[in-house]
Amino acid sequence: MTEIEYKIYIDDVIRRVETARLSVSGHHIVKIVAVSKYSTSREIEKLYKIGQRAYGENKVQDLKSKANKLEELPLEWHFIGNLQKNKINNLLDINPTLFQALDSLELAQELQKKLLAKDMTLDCLLQINSAHEESKHGFMPQEATSSYKEILESCPNINLKGVMSIGAHSEDKAIIKKSFETTYEIYKNLPNATICSMGMSGDFELAIECGSNMVRLGSLMFNK
């Protein structure tokens, strides 16, 4: 794909996001995070030249490597993967813009300890397992609100900015929609929450229609 063809292709992706956004409201803003976990630094650079600034990685080592290689560029890095406790310090050394997958109280407490020791704060999203799927990480919907408030009170170095969830793993659009609606209902009632991160390459339009204001697009943004 030539540079011009790629730009036209990305413009079409953005147009799809815009159409979904406008179906909600002209005031509804949606941010695209390009998930670069299967992409090279060179491919990120190519997308950067078109105007994309926010990128998501799900392995700390990959995030560190790409952030170092591309440190000259003003990129916004999001960590979207499951964070093991023994990798917390490595993540904090990178100091990402947003950690999207805070998925347990134990992780929050360990993160708070490490942040305090480094005299740092970190913007985070609470991950919700809105479809009640065993294969997914995150807080169950019924405990999400109380856990969110508990983290706000007991972990002052964690700046909770909202929630993240992955749509139900299903071919049934109604089931996927229900999982997004569940997350959005929780998000609406959380104190000072501003980010509702839902939707990936296969379901982002539905997620936006259900209230998402941040989508995580991988294969769609890095069309080879």
Protein backbone atom coordinates (compact mmCIF):
# COMPACT_ATOMS: atom_id res chain seq x y z
CA MET A 1 0.00 0.00 0.00
CA THR A 2 1.49 3.37 -1.01
CA GLU A 3 1.57 6.30 1.40
CA ILE A 4 -1.34 7.96 -0.42
CA GLU A 5 -3.41 4.75 -0.45
CA TYR A 6 -2.72 4.24 3.26
CA LYS A 7 -3.83 7.79 4.07
CA ILE A 8 -7.06 7.30 2.09
CA TYR A 9 -7.62 4.00 3.91
CA ILE A 10 -7.07 5.58 7.38
CA ASP A 11 -9.33 8.49 6.42
CA ASP A 12 -12.05 5.94 5.77
CA VAL A 13 -11.55 4.38 9.24
CA ILE A 14 -11.79 7.84 10.78
CA ARG A 15 -14.94 8.53 8.76
CA ARG A 16 -16.51 5.37 10.24
CA VAL A 17 -15.63 6.56 13.75
CA GLU A 18 -17.09 9.99 12.95
CA THR A 19 -20.34 8.51 11.60
CA ALA A 20 -20.80 6.42 14.75
CA ARG A 21 -19.90 9.40 16.95
CA LEU A 22 -22.38 11.71 15.24
CA SER A 23 -25.13 9.10 15.65
CA VAL A 24 -24.75 9.69 19.40
CA SER A 25 -24.24 13.46 19.42
CA GLY A 26 -22.30 16.19 17.70
CA HIS A 27 -20.69 16.87 21.09
CA HIS A 28 -19.55 13.27 21.60
CA ILE A 29 -15.78 13.07 21.11
CA VAL A 30 -14.09 9.72 20.46
CA LYS A 31 -10.35 9.09 20.74
CA ILE A 32 -8.64 6.40 18.67
CA VAL A 33 -5.85 4.40 20.30
CA ALA A 34 -3.96 2.46 17.64
CA VAL A 35 -3.07 -0.94 19.11
CA SER A 36 0.43 -1.58 17.82
CA LYS A 37 1.20 -4.91 19.51
CA TYR A 38 1.62 -6.74 16.18
CA SER A 39 3.29 -3.82 14.44
CA THR A 40 6.84 -2.54 14.11
CA SER A 41 8.27 0.84 15.08
CA ARG A 42 8.49 1.65 11.38
CA GLU A 43 4.77 0.98 10.93
CA ILE A 44 3.98 3.19 13.92
CA GLU A 45 6.08 5.93 12.37
CA LYS A 46 4.15 5.57 9.11
CA LEU A 47 0.84 5.98 10.93
CA TYR A 48 2.25 8.88 12.97
CA LYS A 49 2.98 10.75 9.73
CA ILE A 50 -0.75 10.56 8.89
CA GLY A 51 -1.63 12.10 12.26
CA GLN A 52 -2.15 9.24 14.75
CA ARG A 53 -0.66 10.03 18.17
CA ALA A 54 -1.98 7.47 20.72
CA TYR A 55 -0.71 3.88 20.67
CA GLY A 56 -1.50 0.85 22.83
CA GLU A 57 0.71 -2.10 23.77
CA ASN A 58 -0.13 -5.13 25.87
CA LYS A 59 3.37 -6.29 26.86
CA VAL A 60 5.61 -4.13 29.03
CA GLN A 61 8.77 -5.21 27.20
CA ASP A 62 7.31 -4.33 23.78
CA LEU A 63 6.09 -0.99 25.07
CA LYS A 64 9.53 -0.18 26.46
CA SER A 65 11.30 -1.18 23.25
CA LYS A 66 9.01 0.83 20.95
CA ALA A 67 8.86 3.85 23.27
CA ASN A 68 12.69 3.95 23.30
CA LYS A 69 13.00 3.58 19.53
CA LEU A 70 10.44 6.31 18.93
CA GLU A 71 11.33 8.65 21.79
CA GLU A 72 11.89 11.55 19.39
CA LEU A 73 8.20 11.49 18.43
CA PRO A 74 5.54 13.07 20.70
CA LEU A 75 3.56 9.85 21.11
CA GLU A 76 1.00 8.97 23.76
CA TRP A 77 1.53 5.42 25.06
CA HIS A 78 -1.27 3.34 26.59
CA PHE A 79 -0.66 0.04 28.35
CA ILE A 80 -3.67 -2.15 27.65
CA GLY A 81 -2.49 -5.60 28.75
CA ASN A 82 -2.70 -7.66 31.90
CA LEU A 83 -0.05 -6.29 34.28
CA GLN A 84 1.85 -8.79 36.41
CA LYS A 85 2.93 -7.43 39.78
CA ASN A 86 6.60 -8.16 39.07
CA LYS A 87 6.43 -5.91 35.99
CA ILE A 88 4.98 -2.85 37.77
CA ASN A 89 8.33 -1.08 38.22
CA ASN A 90 9.21 -1.70 34.56
CA LEU A 91 5.94 -0.09 33.50
CA LEU A 92 6.44 2.88 35.81
CA ASP A 93 9.92 3.46 34.36
CA ILE A 94 8.21 4.00 30.99
CA ASN A 95 5.56 6.23 32.63
CA PRO A 96 2.76 5.64 30.11
CA THR A 97 0.00 8.19 29.50
CA LEU A 98 -2.67 5.72 30.59
CA PHE A 99 -2.84 2.22 32.08
CA GLN A 100 -6.12 0.83 30.79
CA ALA A 101 -6.31 -2.55 32.54
CA LEU A 102 -6.44 -2.17 36.32
CA ASP A 103 -8.20 -5.46 36.95
CA SER A 104 -8.05 -6.25 40.70
CA LEU A 105 -7.82 -4.67 44.14
CA GLU A 106 -4.58 -6.62 44.77
CA LEU A 107 -2.99 -5.05 41.70
CA ALA A 108 -4.22 -1.59 42.74
CA GLN A 109 -2.68 -1.97 46.21
CA GLU A 110 0.65 -3.18 44.81
CA LEU A 111 0.63 -0.39 42.21
CA GLN A 112 -0.09 2.18 44.93
CA LYS A 113 2.93 0.96 46.96
CA LYS A 114 5.28 1.23 43.99
CA LEU A 115 3.91 4.63 42.93
CA LEU A 116 4.33 5.96 46.46
CA ALA A 117 7.91 4.70 46.63
CA LYS A 118 8.71 6.48 43.35
CA ASP A 119 6.71 9.60 44.28
CA MET A 120 4.65 9.19 41.10
CA THR A 121 1.02 9.14 40.05
CA LEU A 122 -0.48 7.12 37.21
CA ASP A 123 -3.70 7.64 35.23
CA CYS A 124 -5.63 4.36 35.11
CA LEU A 125 -8.88 2.81 33.94
CA LEU A 126 -10.74 0.12 35.87
CA GLN A 127 -11.17 -2.96 33.69
CA ILE A 128 -14.68 -4.43 33.84
CA ASN A 129 -15.49 -7.99 32.80
CA SER A 130 -18.91 -6.91 31.61
CA ALA A 131 -19.68 -10.17 29.80
CA HIS A 132 -18.81 -12.37 32.82
CA GLU A 133 -16.33 -14.37 30.74
CA GLU A 134 -13.81 -16.61 32.47
CA SER A 135 -11.21 -15.94 29.78
CA LYS A 136 -11.21 -12.21 30.54
CA HIS A 137 -9.65 -10.19 33.34
CA GLY A 138 -11.43 -7.45 35.24
CA PHE A 139 -13.95 -6.62 37.92
CA MET A 140 -17.39 -8.19 37.68
CA PRO A 141 -20.07 -5.54 37.02
CA GLN A 142 -21.70 -5.96 40.43
CA GLU A 143 -18.45 -5.12 42.27
CA ALA A 144 -17.05 -2.52 39.87
CA THR A 145 -18.58 0.62 41.42
CA SER A 146 -17.66 -0.20 45.03
CA SER A 147 -14.14 -1.28 43.98
CA TYR A 148 -13.67 1.91 41.97
CA LYS A 149 -14.59 4.01 45.01
CA GLU A 150 -12.38 1.91 47.28
CA ILE A 151 -9.38 2.48 45.00
CA LEU A 152 -10.14 6.21 44.87
CA GLU A 153 -10.06 6.33 48.68
CA SER A 154 -7.20 3.96 49.46
CA CYS A 155 -4.81 4.52 46.53
CA PRO A 156 -4.19 8.27 46.22
CA ASN A 157 -1.35 7.85 43.69
CA ILE A 158 -3.69 6.10 41.25
CA ASN A 159 -5.69 8.61 39.21
CA LEU A 160 -8.78 6.69 38.15
CA LYS A 161 -10.09 8.26 34.94
CA GLY A 162 -12.88 5.83 34.05
CA VAL A 163 -13.36 2.30 32.78
CA MET A 164 -12.32 -0.14 30.07
CA SER A 165 -13.96 -3.32 28.86
CA ILE A 166 -13.79 -5.79 25.99
CA GLY A 167 -17.02 -6.60 24.17
CA ALA A 168 -18.56 -10.04 24.68
CA HIS A 169 -16.93 -12.79 22.63
CA SER A 170 -20.00 -13.65 20.60
CA GLU A 171 -21.42 -13.62 17.08
CA ASP A 172 -24.67 -12.26 18.52
CA LYS A 173 -24.73 -8.49 18.19
CA ALA A 174 -27.35 -8.20 20.96
CA ILE A 175 -25.02 -9.95 23.45
CA ILE A 176 -22.09 -7.72 22.48
CA LYS A 177 -24.30 -4.63 22.77
CA LYS A 178 -25.50 -5.71 26.23
CA SER A 179 -21.89 -6.03 27.44
CA PHE A 180 -21.13 -2.48 26.24
CA GLU A 181 -24.31 -1.10 27.79
CA THR A 182 -23.41 -2.75 31.11
CA THR A 183 -20.02 -1.01 31.15
CA TYR A 184 -21.48 2.34 30.10
CA GLU A 185 -24.14 2.24 32.84
CA ILE A 186 -21.41 1.73 35.44
CA TYR A 187 -19.25 4.47 33.89
CA LYS A 188 -22.08 7.02 33.96
CA ASN A 189 -22.43 6.73 37.72
CA LEU A 190 -18.78 6.88 38.72
CA PRO A 191 -17.39 10.02 40.37
CA ASN A 192 -15.35 12.22 37.99
CA ALA A 193 -14.96 9.48 35.35
CA THR A 194 -14.19 10.89 31.89
CA ILE A 195 -13.01 7.88 29.85
CA CYS A 196 -15.13 4.93 28.72
CA SER A 197 -12.78 2.75 26.65
CA MET A 198 -14.77 0.17 24.69
CA GLY A 199 -14.62 -1.17 21.18
CA MET A 200 -12.00 -2.82 18.98
CA SER A 201 -11.61 -3.31 15.23
CA GLY A 202 -14.61 -5.64 14.90
CA ASP A 203 -17.13 -3.85 17.12
CA PHE A 204 -16.06 -0.23 17.61
CA GLU A 205 -19.08 1.32 15.87
CA LEU A 206 -21.46 -0.52 18.17
CA ALA A 207 -19.32 0.44 21.18
CA ILE A 208 -19.45 4.13 20.23
CA GLU A 209 -23.22 3.95 19.79
CA CYS A 210 -23.37 2.54 23.35
CA GLY A 211 -21.37 5.47 24.76
CA SER A 212 -17.68 4.67 24.27
CA ASN A 213 -15.41 7.69 23.94
CA MET A 214 -12.17 5.76 23.38
CA VAL A 215 -11.68 2.88 20.94
CA ARG A 216 -8.71 0.52 20.66
CA LEU A 217 -8.13 -0.33 17.00
CA GLY A 218 -5.38 -2.75 16.01
CA SER A 219 -5.64 -4.61 12.70
CA LEU A 220 -7.86 -1.88 11.29
CA MET A 221 -5.20 0.82 11.74
CA PHE A 222 -2.25 -1.25 10.60
CA ASN A 223 -3.57 -2.62 7.35
CA LYS A 224 -0.41 -4.05 5.81
